Amino acid sequence: MMKGGEGLSAEQEQAQGRVREFVADLMDLSAFEPATFSWKPWDCTALAVFSTSAEKGGIPQPDVEPNRLAWPLAGLDKLGELVAPEGYRRFVVSGADFETLKPLLAQATQITRWDSGGHEHLLFFRPLLPDEADQTRVTYSADTRFRLRSF
């Protein structure tokens, strides 16, 4: 498409103008929310955590050396419930445990190896949103990966 309507008929230029107005309307939140809209910061207070052994076969090895952190809570080998895909466990971290873990999350990356009981684990974090009140029943599809970069 030519820039600035060059080479367009008057009808095409009008259509292009209507599309621009429509896109602008879609980008304006006040078009969908009549009340005054304001952004408020949200502080995560709980995480769903998915864990798997980093020592089992089938785990891709990163091109760079991952950092290693000591898992500060209960042993990861038995923590939580088994979920799909095979070899994964899921549990929720909240309250005092979340406060203990929070400083370590700033040091973690997607390839961090977490040491627990002498075994290395890969962890995938997903913040629980405020409307997820029943934290023990959060479910996900088996092919979804969850990452949390920083707090």
C-alpha atoms as a PDB file:
ATOM      1  CA  MET A   1       0.000   0.000   0.000  1.00  0.00           C
ATOM      2  CA  MET A   2       1.302   3.424  -0.861  1.00  0.00           C
ATOM      3  CA  LYS A   3       1.973   5.854   1.952  1.00  0.00           C
ATOM      4  CA  GLY A   4      -0.150   8.942   2.451  1.00  0.00           C
ATOM      5  CA  GLY A   5      -2.881   7.826   0.088  1.00  0.00           C
ATOM      6  CA  GLU A   6      -0.700   8.237  -3.017  1.00  0.00           C
ATOM      7  CA  GLY A   7      -2.353   6.588  -5.966  1.00  0.00           C
ATOM      8  CA  LEU A   8      -5.631   5.954  -4.123  1.00  0.00           C
ATOM      9  CA  SER A   9      -9.003   6.991  -5.408  1.00  0.00           C
ATOM     10  CA  ALA A  10     -11.111   9.376  -3.310  1.00  0.00           C
ATOM     11  CA  GLU A  11     -13.276   6.436  -2.266  1.00  0.00           C
ATOM     12  CA  GLN A  12     -10.224   4.422  -1.151  1.00  0.00           C
ATOM     13  CA  GLU A  13      -8.864   7.391   0.806  1.00  0.00           C
ATOM     14  CA  GLN A  14     -12.221   7.740   2.604  1.00  0.00           C
ATOM     15  CA  ALA A  15     -12.235   4.019   3.408  1.00  0.00           C
ATOM     16  CA  GLN A  16      -8.677   4.267   4.686  1.00  0.00           C
ATOM     17  CA  GLY A  17      -9.697   7.193   6.900  1.00  0.00           C
ATOM     18  CA  ARG A  18     -12.624   5.197   8.327  1.00  0.00           C
ATOM     19  CA  VAL A  19     -10.281   2.293   9.116  1.00  0.00           C
ATOM     20  CA  ARG A  20      -7.865   4.662  10.912  1.00  0.00           C
ATOM     21  CA  GLU A  21     -10.762   6.066  12.990  1.00  0.00           C
ATOM     22  CA  PHE A  22     -11.974   2.547  13.807  1.00  0.00           C
ATOM     23  CA  VAL A  23      -8.489   1.456  14.953  1.00  0.00           C
ATOM     24  CA  ALA A  24      -8.169   4.623  17.071  1.00  0.00           C
ATOM     25  CA  ASP A  25     -11.533   3.850  18.689  1.00  0.00           C
ATOM     26  CA  LEU A  26     -10.380   0.304  19.492  1.00  0.00           C
ATOM     27  CA  MET A  27      -7.271   1.650  21.172  1.00  0.00           C
ATOM     28  CA  ASP A  28      -9.256   4.060  23.362  1.00  0.00           C
ATOM     29  CA  LEU A  29     -10.307   2.236  26.549  1.00  0.00           C
ATOM     30  CA  SER A  30     -12.843   4.921  27.381  1.00  0.00           C
ATOM     31  CA  ALA A  31     -14.908   3.673  24.431  1.00  0.00           C
ATOM     32  CA  PHE A  32     -15.487   0.428  26.329  1.00  0.00           C
ATOM     33  CA  GLU A  33     -15.469   1.645  29.927  1.00  0.00           C
ATOM     34  CA  PRO A  34     -17.727   4.629  30.639  1.00  0.00           C
ATOM     35  CA  ALA A  35     -16.281   5.304  34.095  1.00  0.00           C
ATOM     36  CA  THR A  36     -12.944   6.997  34.559  1.00  0.00           C
ATOM     37  CA  PHE A  37     -10.303   4.398  33.937  1.00  0.00           C
ATOM     38  CA  SER A  38      -7.105   4.318  35.959  1.00  0.00           C
ATOM     39  CA  TRP A  39      -4.245   1.879  36.201  1.00  0.00           C
ATOM     40  CA  LYS A  40      -3.362   0.544  39.613  1.00  0.00           C
ATOM     41  CA  PRO A  41      -0.250  -1.453  40.446  1.00  0.00           C
ATOM     42  CA  TRP A  42      -0.884  -5.044  41.401  1.00  0.00           C
ATOM     43  CA  ASP A  43       1.349  -6.951  43.766  1.00  0.00           C
ATOM     44  CA  CYS A  44       1.444 -10.680  43.253  1.00  0.00           C
ATOM     45  CA  THR A  45       0.871 -12.575  46.521  1.00  0.00           C
ATOM     46  CA  ALA A  46       0.824 -16.187  45.317  1.00  0.00           C
ATOM     47  CA  LEU A  47       2.333 -18.321  42.574  1.00  0.00           C
ATOM     48  CA  ALA A  48       1.377 -21.546  40.880  1.00  0.00           C
ATOM     49  CA  VAL A  49       4.649 -23.435  40.454  1.00  0.00           C
ATOM     50  CA  PHE A  50       5.289 -26.279  38.047  1.00  0.00           C
ATOM     51  CA  SER A  51       8.365 -28.385  38.735  1.00  0.00           C
ATOM     52  CA  THR A  52      10.176 -31.209  36.982  1.00  0.00           C
ATOM     53  CA  SER A  53      13.509 -32.895  37.473  1.00  0.00           C
ATOM     54  CA  ALA A  54      16.315 -31.298  35.478  1.00  0.00           C
ATOM     55  CA  GLU A  55      18.150 -34.621  35.688  1.00  0.00           C
ATOM     56  CA  LYS A  56      15.695 -36.727  33.691  1.00  0.00           C
ATOM     57  CA  GLY A  57      16.143 -37.347  29.990  1.00  0.00           C
ATOM     58  CA  GLY A  58      14.302 -35.248  27.459  1.00  0.00           C
ATOM     59  CA  ILE A  59      15.020 -31.901  29.142  1.00  0.00           C
ATOM     60  CA  PRO A  60      16.665 -29.627  26.560  1.00  0.00           C
ATOM     61  CA  GLN A  61      20.054 -28.389  27.622  1.00  0.00           C
ATOM     62  CA  PRO A  62      20.526 -24.621  27.307  1.00  0.00           C
ATOM     63  CA  ASP A  63      23.292 -23.161  25.143  1.00  0.00           C
ATOM     64  CA  VAL A  64      24.597 -21.197  28.131  1.00  0.00           C
ATOM     65  CA  GLU A  65      25.419 -22.397  31.609  1.00  0.00           C
ATOM     66  CA  PRO A  66      22.322 -21.937  33.813  1.00  0.00           C
ATOM     67  CA  ASN A  67      22.600 -20.372  37.223  1.00  0.00           C
ATOM     68  CA  ARG A  68      21.827 -22.512  40.233  1.00  0.00           C
ATOM     69  CA  LEU A  69      19.805 -21.524  43.275  1.00  0.00           C
ATOM     70  CA  ALA A  70      18.948 -23.401  46.452  1.00  0.00           C
ATOM     71  CA  TRP A  71      15.198 -24.002  46.818  1.00  0.00           C
ATOM     72  CA  PRO A  72      14.327 -22.502  50.235  1.00  0.00           C
ATOM     73  CA  LEU A  73      11.080 -24.396  50.940  1.00  0.00           C
ATOM     74  CA  ALA A  74       9.947 -28.022  51.309  1.00  0.00           C
ATOM     75  CA  GLY A  75      11.559 -30.691  49.119  1.00  0.00           C
ATOM     76  CA  LEU A  76      10.560 -30.449  45.443  1.00  0.00           C
ATOM     77  CA  ASP A  77      10.654 -34.221  44.829  1.00  0.00           C
ATOM     78  CA  LYS A  78       7.299 -34.770  46.549  1.00  0.00           C
ATOM     79  CA  LEU A  79       5.829 -31.271  46.819  1.00  0.00           C
ATOM     80  CA  GLY A  80       2.426 -30.734  45.214  1.00  0.00           C
ATOM     81  CA  GLU A  81       0.395 -32.955  42.947  1.00  0.00           C
ATOM     82  CA  LEU A  82       1.336 -34.802  39.774  1.00  0.00           C
ATOM     83  CA  VAL A  83       0.056 -33.085  36.621  1.00  0.00           C
ATOM     84  CA  ALA A  84       0.417 -33.448  32.869  1.00  0.00           C
ATOM     85  CA  PRO A  85       2.757 -33.577  31.125  1.00  0.00           C
ATOM     86  CA  GLU A  86       4.232 -36.640  32.759  1.00  0.00           C
ATOM     87  CA  GLY A  87       6.967 -35.892  35.261  1.00  0.00           C
ATOM     88  CA  TYR A  88       5.597 -32.509  36.347  1.00  0.00           C
ATOM     89  CA  ARG A  89       4.259 -31.501  39.744  1.00  0.00           C
ATOM     90  CA  ARG A  90       2.164 -28.435  40.582  1.00  0.00           C
ATOM     91  CA  PHE A  91       1.867 -26.542  43.838  1.00  0.00           C
ATOM     92  CA  VAL A  92       0.999 -23.077  45.094  1.00  0.00           C
ATOM     93  CA  VAL A  93       3.354 -20.803  47.047  1.00  0.00           C
ATOM     94  CA  SER A  94       1.714 -18.064  49.119  1.00  0.00           C
ATOM     95  CA  GLY A  95       1.900 -16.281  52.467  1.00  0.00           C
ATOM     96  CA  ALA A  96       5.173 -16.553  54.401  1.00  0.00           C
ATOM     97  CA  ASP A  97       6.541 -19.086  51.883  1.00  0.00           C
ATOM     98  CA  PHE A  98       5.988 -16.581  49.060  1.00  0.00           C
ATOM     99  CA  GLU A  99       7.853 -13.885  51.023  1.00  0.00           C
ATOM    100  CA  THR A 100      10.755 -16.336  51.564  1.00  0.00           C
ATOM    101  CA  LEU A 101      10.897 -17.191  47.853  1.00  0.00           C
ATOM    102  CA  LYS A 102      10.376 -13.684  46.461  1.00  0.00           C
ATOM    103  CA  PRO A 103      14.006 -12.430  46.796  1.00  0.00           C
ATOM    104  CA  LEU A 104      15.295 -15.490  44.916  1.00  0.00           C
ATOM    105  CA  LEU A 105      12.919 -14.912  42.010  1.00  0.00           C
ATOM    106  CA  ALA A 106      14.809 -11.733  41.126  1.00  0.00           C
ATOM    107  CA  GLN A 107      17.925 -13.896  40.594  1.00  0.00           C
ATOM    108  CA  ALA A 108      16.178 -16.654  38.633  1.00  0.00           C
ATOM    109  CA  THR A 109      15.895 -17.020  34.887  1.00  0.00           C
ATOM    110  CA  GLN A 110      13.928 -19.397  32.692  1.00  0.00           C
ATOM    111  CA  ILE A 111      16.822 -21.873  32.739  1.00  0.00           C
ATOM    112  CA  THR A 112      17.737 -21.646  36.443  1.00  0.00           C
ATOM    113  CA  ARG A 113      18.392 -24.994  38.077  1.00  0.00           C
ATOM    114  CA  TRP A 114      16.921 -25.163  41.577  1.00  0.00           C
ATOM    115  CA  ASP A 115      18.664 -27.479  44.035  1.00  0.00           C
ATOM    116  CA  SER A 116      16.413 -29.348  46.448  1.00  0.00           C
ATOM    117  CA  GLY A 117      17.630 -32.316  48.466  1.00  0.00           C
ATOM    118  CA  GLY A 118      20.689 -32.766  46.256  1.00  0.00           C
ATOM    119  CA  HIS A 119      18.634 -32.913  43.032  1.00  0.00           C
ATOM    120  CA  GLU A 120      18.236 -30.266  40.352  1.00  0.00           C
ATOM    121  CA  HIS A 121      14.790 -29.111  39.227  1.00  0.00           C
ATOM    122  CA  LEU A 122      13.363 -26.786  36.595  1.00  0.00           C
ATOM    123  CA  LEU A 123      10.594 -24.526  37.856  1.00  0.00           C
ATOM    124  CA  PHE A 124       7.985 -22.582  35.915  1.00  0.00           C
ATOM    125  CA  PHE A 125       6.120 -19.830  37.759  1.00  0.00           C
ATOM    126  CA  ARG A 126       2.744 -18.276  37.100  1.00  0.00           C
ATOM    127  CA  PRO A 127       1.279 -15.521  39.290  1.00  0.00           C
ATOM    128  CA  LEU A 128      -2.163 -16.235  40.677  1.00  0.00           C
ATOM    129  CA  LEU A 129      -4.491 -13.380  39.862  1.00  0.00           C
ATOM    130  CA  PRO A 130      -6.698 -11.735  42.505  1.00  0.00           C
ATOM    131  CA  ASP A 131      -9.846 -13.497  41.276  1.00  0.00           C
ATOM    132  CA  GLU A 132      -8.250 -16.945  41.623  1.00  0.00           C
ATOM    133  CA  ALA A 133      -9.443 -17.356  45.192  1.00  0.00           C
ATOM    134  CA  ASP A 134      -9.409 -21.152  45.255  1.00  0.00           C
ATOM    135  CA  GLN A 135      -5.676 -21.431  44.672  1.00  0.00           C
ATOM    136  CA  THR A 136      -5.562 -25.202  45.091  1.00  0.00           C
ATOM    137  CA  ARG A 137      -7.838 -25.794  42.102  1.00  0.00           C
ATOM    138  CA  VAL A 138      -6.051 -23.762  39.439  1.00  0.00           C
ATOM    139  CA  THR A 139      -5.766 -25.899  36.305  1.00  0.00           C
ATOM    140  CA  TYR A 140      -3.923 -25.487  33.021  1.00  0.00           C
ATOM    141  CA  SER A 141      -3.598 -27.265  29.722  1.00  0.00           C
ATOM    142  CA  ALA A 142      -0.735 -29.733  29.487  1.00  0.00           C
ATOM    143  CA  ASP A 143       1.050 -27.927  26.663  1.00  0.00           C
ATOM    144  CA  THR A 144       1.219 -24.531  28.363  1.00  0.00           C
ATOM    145  CA  ARG A 145       4.476 -23.253  29.844  1.00  0.00           C
ATOM    146  CA  PHE A 146       4.491 -20.602  32.530  1.00  0.00           C
ATOM    147  CA  ARG A 147       7.289 -18.152  33.097  1.00  0.00           C
ATOM    148  CA  LEU A 148       7.657 -15.288  35.517  1.00  0.00           C
ATOM    149  CA  ARG A 149      10.611 -13.044  34.823  1.00  0.00           C
ATOM    150  CA  SER A 150      10.804 -10.770  37.854  1.00  0.00           C
ATOM    151  CA  PHE A 151       9.031  -9.199  40.804  1.00  0.00           C
END
